[in-house]
Protein backbone atom coordinates (compact mmCIF):
# COMPACT_ATOMS: atom_id res chain seq x y z
CA UNK A 1 -155.20 10.01 -123.90
CA UNK A 2 -152.70 12.81 -123.30
CA UNK A 3 -151.79 15.33 -125.83
CA UNK A 4 -148.31 14.66 -125.23
CA UNK A 5 -148.91 11.01 -126.21
CA UNK A 6 -150.76 11.90 -129.45
CA UNK A 7 -147.73 14.26 -130.34
CA UNK A 8 -145.17 11.35 -129.73
CA UNK A 9 -147.46 9.01 -131.90
CA UNK A 10 -147.62 11.57 -134.80
CA UNK A 11 -143.83 12.06 -134.74
CA UNK A 12 -143.06 8.19 -134.58
CA UNK A 13 -145.32 7.39 -137.19
CA UNK A 14 -143.67 9.83 -139.61
CA UNK A 15 -140.45 8.22 -138.79
CA UNK A 16 -141.62 4.62 -139.03
CA UNK A 17 -142.80 5.68 -142.65
CA UNK A 18 -139.35 5.38 -143.93
CA UNK A 19 -140.27 5.19 -147.60
CA UNK A 20 -142.46 8.29 -147.33
CA UNK A 21 -145.68 6.74 -148.81
CA UNK A 22 -147.96 7.81 -146.04
CA UNK A 23 -148.49 4.38 -144.29
CA UNK A 24 -146.55 2.06 -142.25
CA UNK A 25 -145.75 -1.28 -143.50
CA UNK A 26 -143.48 -4.20 -142.51
CA UNK A 27 -140.97 -3.07 -145.03
CA UNK A 28 -140.41 0.34 -143.47
CA UNK A 29 -138.89 -1.33 -140.58
CA UNK A 30 -136.43 -3.38 -142.61
CA UNK A 31 -135.23 -0.02 -144.19
CA UNK A 32 -134.86 1.73 -140.75
CA UNK A 33 -133.12 -1.25 -139.50
CA UNK A 34 -130.70 -1.13 -142.33
CA UNK A 35 -130.06 2.54 -141.57
CA UNK A 36 -129.58 1.95 -138.02
CA UNK A 37 -127.22 -0.90 -138.30
CA UNK A 38 -125.14 1.16 -140.61
CA UNK A 39 -124.92 3.98 -137.97
CA UNK A 40 -123.87 1.25 -135.32
CA UNK A 41 -120.53 0.89 -136.93
CA UNK A 42 -118.68 -0.05 -133.52
CA UNK A 43 -121.22 -2.81 -132.86
CA UNK A 44 -120.98 -6.30 -133.73
CA UNK A 45 -122.92 -8.42 -136.07
CA UNK A 46 -124.63 -10.34 -133.45
CA UNK A 47 -125.99 -7.01 -131.89
CA UNK A 48 -126.93 -5.77 -135.40
CA UNK A 49 -128.84 -9.02 -136.18
CA UNK A 50 -130.70 -8.90 -132.91
CA UNK A 51 -131.59 -5.43 -133.59
CA UNK A 52 -132.87 -6.23 -137.19
CA UNK A 53 -134.84 -9.15 -135.89
CA UNK A 54 -136.36 -6.72 -133.11
CA UNK A 55 -137.17 -4.03 -135.81
CA UNK A 56 -138.81 -6.72 -137.90
CA UNK A 57 -140.85 -8.28 -135.11
CA UNK A 58 -141.92 -4.65 -134.06
CA UNK A 59 -143.05 -3.84 -137.60
CA UNK A 60 -144.84 -7.19 -138.26
CA UNK A 61 -146.43 -6.82 -134.80
CA UNK A 62 -147.62 -3.35 -135.47
CA UNK A 63 -149.11 -4.26 -138.88
CA UNK A 64 -150.81 -7.44 -137.64
CA UNK A 65 -152.31 -5.64 -134.58
CA UNK A 66 -153.25 -2.27 -136.14
CA UNK A 67 -154.33 -2.90 -139.57
CA UNK A 68 -157.93 -2.60 -138.99
CA UNK A 69 -159.06 -2.87 -142.59
CA UNK A 70 -156.59 -5.63 -143.41
CA UNK A 71 -155.00 -4.04 -146.52
CA UNK A 72 -151.34 -4.76 -145.19
CA UNK A 73 -150.55 -1.24 -144.15
CA UNK A 74 -151.28 1.03 -141.21
CA UNK A 75 -152.50 4.57 -141.61
CA UNK A 76 -152.27 6.94 -139.00
CA UNK A 77 -155.81 6.62 -137.76
CA UNK A 78 -155.02 2.90 -137.34
CA UNK A 79 -151.71 3.71 -135.75
CA UNK A 80 -153.39 5.95 -133.02
CA UNK A 81 -154.88 2.59 -131.65
CA UNK A 82 -151.44 1.78 -130.40
CA UNK A 83 -151.47 4.66 -128.01
CA UNK A 84 -154.81 3.66 -126.78
CA UNK A 85 -153.58 0.13 -126.01
CA UNK A 86 -149.79 -0.25 -125.58
CA UNK A 87 -150.21 -3.37 -123.51
CA UNK A 88 -150.78 -5.17 -126.85
CA UNK A 89 -147.15 -4.34 -127.69
CA UNK A 90 -145.26 -4.70 -124.46
CA UNK A 91 -143.07 -7.75 -125.77
CA UNK A 92 -142.08 -6.32 -129.15
CA UNK A 93 -141.43 -2.94 -127.64
CA UNK A 94 -139.10 -4.14 -124.97
CA UNK A 95 -137.17 -6.24 -127.50
CA UNK A 96 -136.99 -3.07 -129.81
CA UNK A 97 -135.80 -0.91 -126.84
CA UNK A 98 -133.28 -3.40 -125.45
CA UNK A 99 -131.72 -4.33 -128.90
CA UNK A 100 -131.51 -0.56 -129.91
CA UNK A 101 -129.95 0.36 -126.67
CA UNK A 102 -127.48 -2.38 -126.93
CA UNK A 103 -126.21 -1.07 -130.14
CA UNK A 104 -125.46 2.13 -128.19
CA UNK A 105 -123.22 0.13 -125.96
CA UNK A 106 -120.64 -1.61 -128.16
CA UNK A 107 -118.13 -2.04 -125.48
CA UNK A 108 -120.71 -3.73 -123.10
CA UNK A 109 -119.81 -1.45 -120.09
CA UNK A 110 -123.76 -0.77 -119.50
CA UNK A 111 -123.28 2.86 -120.60
CA UNK A 112 -124.25 4.72 -124.02
CA UNK A 113 -121.99 7.54 -124.88
CA UNK A 114 -123.41 10.68 -126.54
CA UNK A 115 -121.62 9.88 -130.11
CA UNK A 116 -123.29 6.45 -130.34
CA UNK A 117 -126.70 7.75 -129.07
CA UNK A 118 -126.65 10.64 -131.54
CA UNK A 119 -125.76 8.22 -134.34
CA UNK A 120 -128.57 5.71 -133.84
CA UNK A 121 -131.11 8.31 -133.38
CA UNK A 122 -130.04 10.35 -136.31
CA UNK A 123 -130.46 7.13 -138.35
CA UNK A 124 -133.96 6.71 -137.15
CA UNK A 125 -134.75 10.26 -138.27
CA UNK A 126 -135.04 12.31 -135.02
CA UNK A 127 -133.81 15.94 -135.28
CA UNK A 128 -130.16 16.60 -133.88
CA UNK A 129 -131.23 19.34 -131.60
CA UNK A 130 -133.99 17.34 -130.03
CA UNK A 131 -131.68 14.25 -129.64
CA UNK A 132 -129.21 16.49 -127.69
CA UNK A 133 -132.13 17.70 -125.40
CA UNK A 134 -133.20 14.24 -124.99
CA UNK A 135 -129.57 12.78 -123.99
CA UNK A 136 -129.31 15.87 -121.61
CA UNK A 137 -132.71 15.20 -120.05
CA UNK A 138 -131.47 11.59 -119.33
CA UNK A 139 -128.88 13.11 -116.91
CA UNK A 140 -125.73 12.04 -118.39
CA UNK A 141 -122.49 11.33 -116.35
CA UNK A 142 -119.35 13.55 -116.47
CA UNK A 143 -118.21 11.26 -119.12
CA UNK A 144 -121.19 12.20 -121.18
CA UNK A 145 -122.91 8.73 -121.06
CA UNK A 146 -126.23 7.36 -119.72
CA UNK A 147 -127.14 3.98 -118.51
CA UNK A 148 -128.54 1.42 -121.12
CA UNK A 149 -131.32 0.87 -118.67
CA UNK A 150 -131.98 4.67 -118.65
CA UNK A 151 -132.40 4.58 -122.54
CA UNK A 152 -134.57 1.41 -122.50
CA UNK A 153 -136.94 2.96 -120.00
CA UNK A 154 -137.05 6.25 -121.82
CA UNK A 155 -138.07 4.38 -125.19
CA UNK A 156 -140.78 2.41 -123.09
CA UNK A 157 -142.00 5.70 -121.48
CA UNK A 158 -142.19 7.38 -125.11
CA UNK A 159 -144.98 4.88 -125.92
CA UNK A 160 -146.96 5.35 -122.82
CA UNK A 161 -150.28 6.99 -123.54
CA UNK A 162 -150.60 8.38 -119.76
CA UNK A 163 -147.22 9.92 -119.55
CA UNK A 164 -146.43 13.75 -119.82
CA UNK A 165 -143.25 15.63 -119.00
CA UNK A 166 -140.98 12.72 -119.80
CA UNK A 167 -137.36 12.77 -121.35
CA UNK A 168 -139.01 11.72 -124.69
CA UNK A 169 -141.06 14.64 -125.15
CA UNK A 170 -137.88 16.49 -126.02
CA UNK A 171 -138.03 14.64 -129.40
CA UNK A 172 -141.34 16.38 -130.38
CA UNK A 173 -141.31 19.90 -131.48
CA UNK A 174 -138.78 22.50 -130.44
CA UNK A 175 -135.93 21.22 -128.13
CA UNK A 176 -135.90 22.31 -124.65
CA UNK A 177 -133.58 25.55 -124.16
């Protein structure tokens, strides 16, 4: 497993632990979904509901698959198993990625503009400078937008244990200068 993947896993674990109790549990995904829905002010309720359902499925699947000691929560050591076997989560990850990216495209033109991207990523908990670096790494158009499909693939890449030098690495540590 690549060091970059471990670093990405550490960061996302801390973000998934929305209530800050040191473990990831299904409730954390409901809390995060509420924050993201609030940030998606231009999106319709159907898109927000789809995102909430995707977050809930993602959280439920992670806990069901990774909770090795069956205590109802996932600590970081259990979470690391995700990085080792991402194929177990392909369906929920794709649903999560697609629903999140769809919120960034409220007008349905297939493009995510920087303000929407920024709002959603801030709601998840990423750092502003790192979000900007990630958006720039996606190669925005002159209109400062990226294709929805680019963001979906970027989310999937973020969870891949064999990937390094990907756009998502900008979210970990210091932003690229």
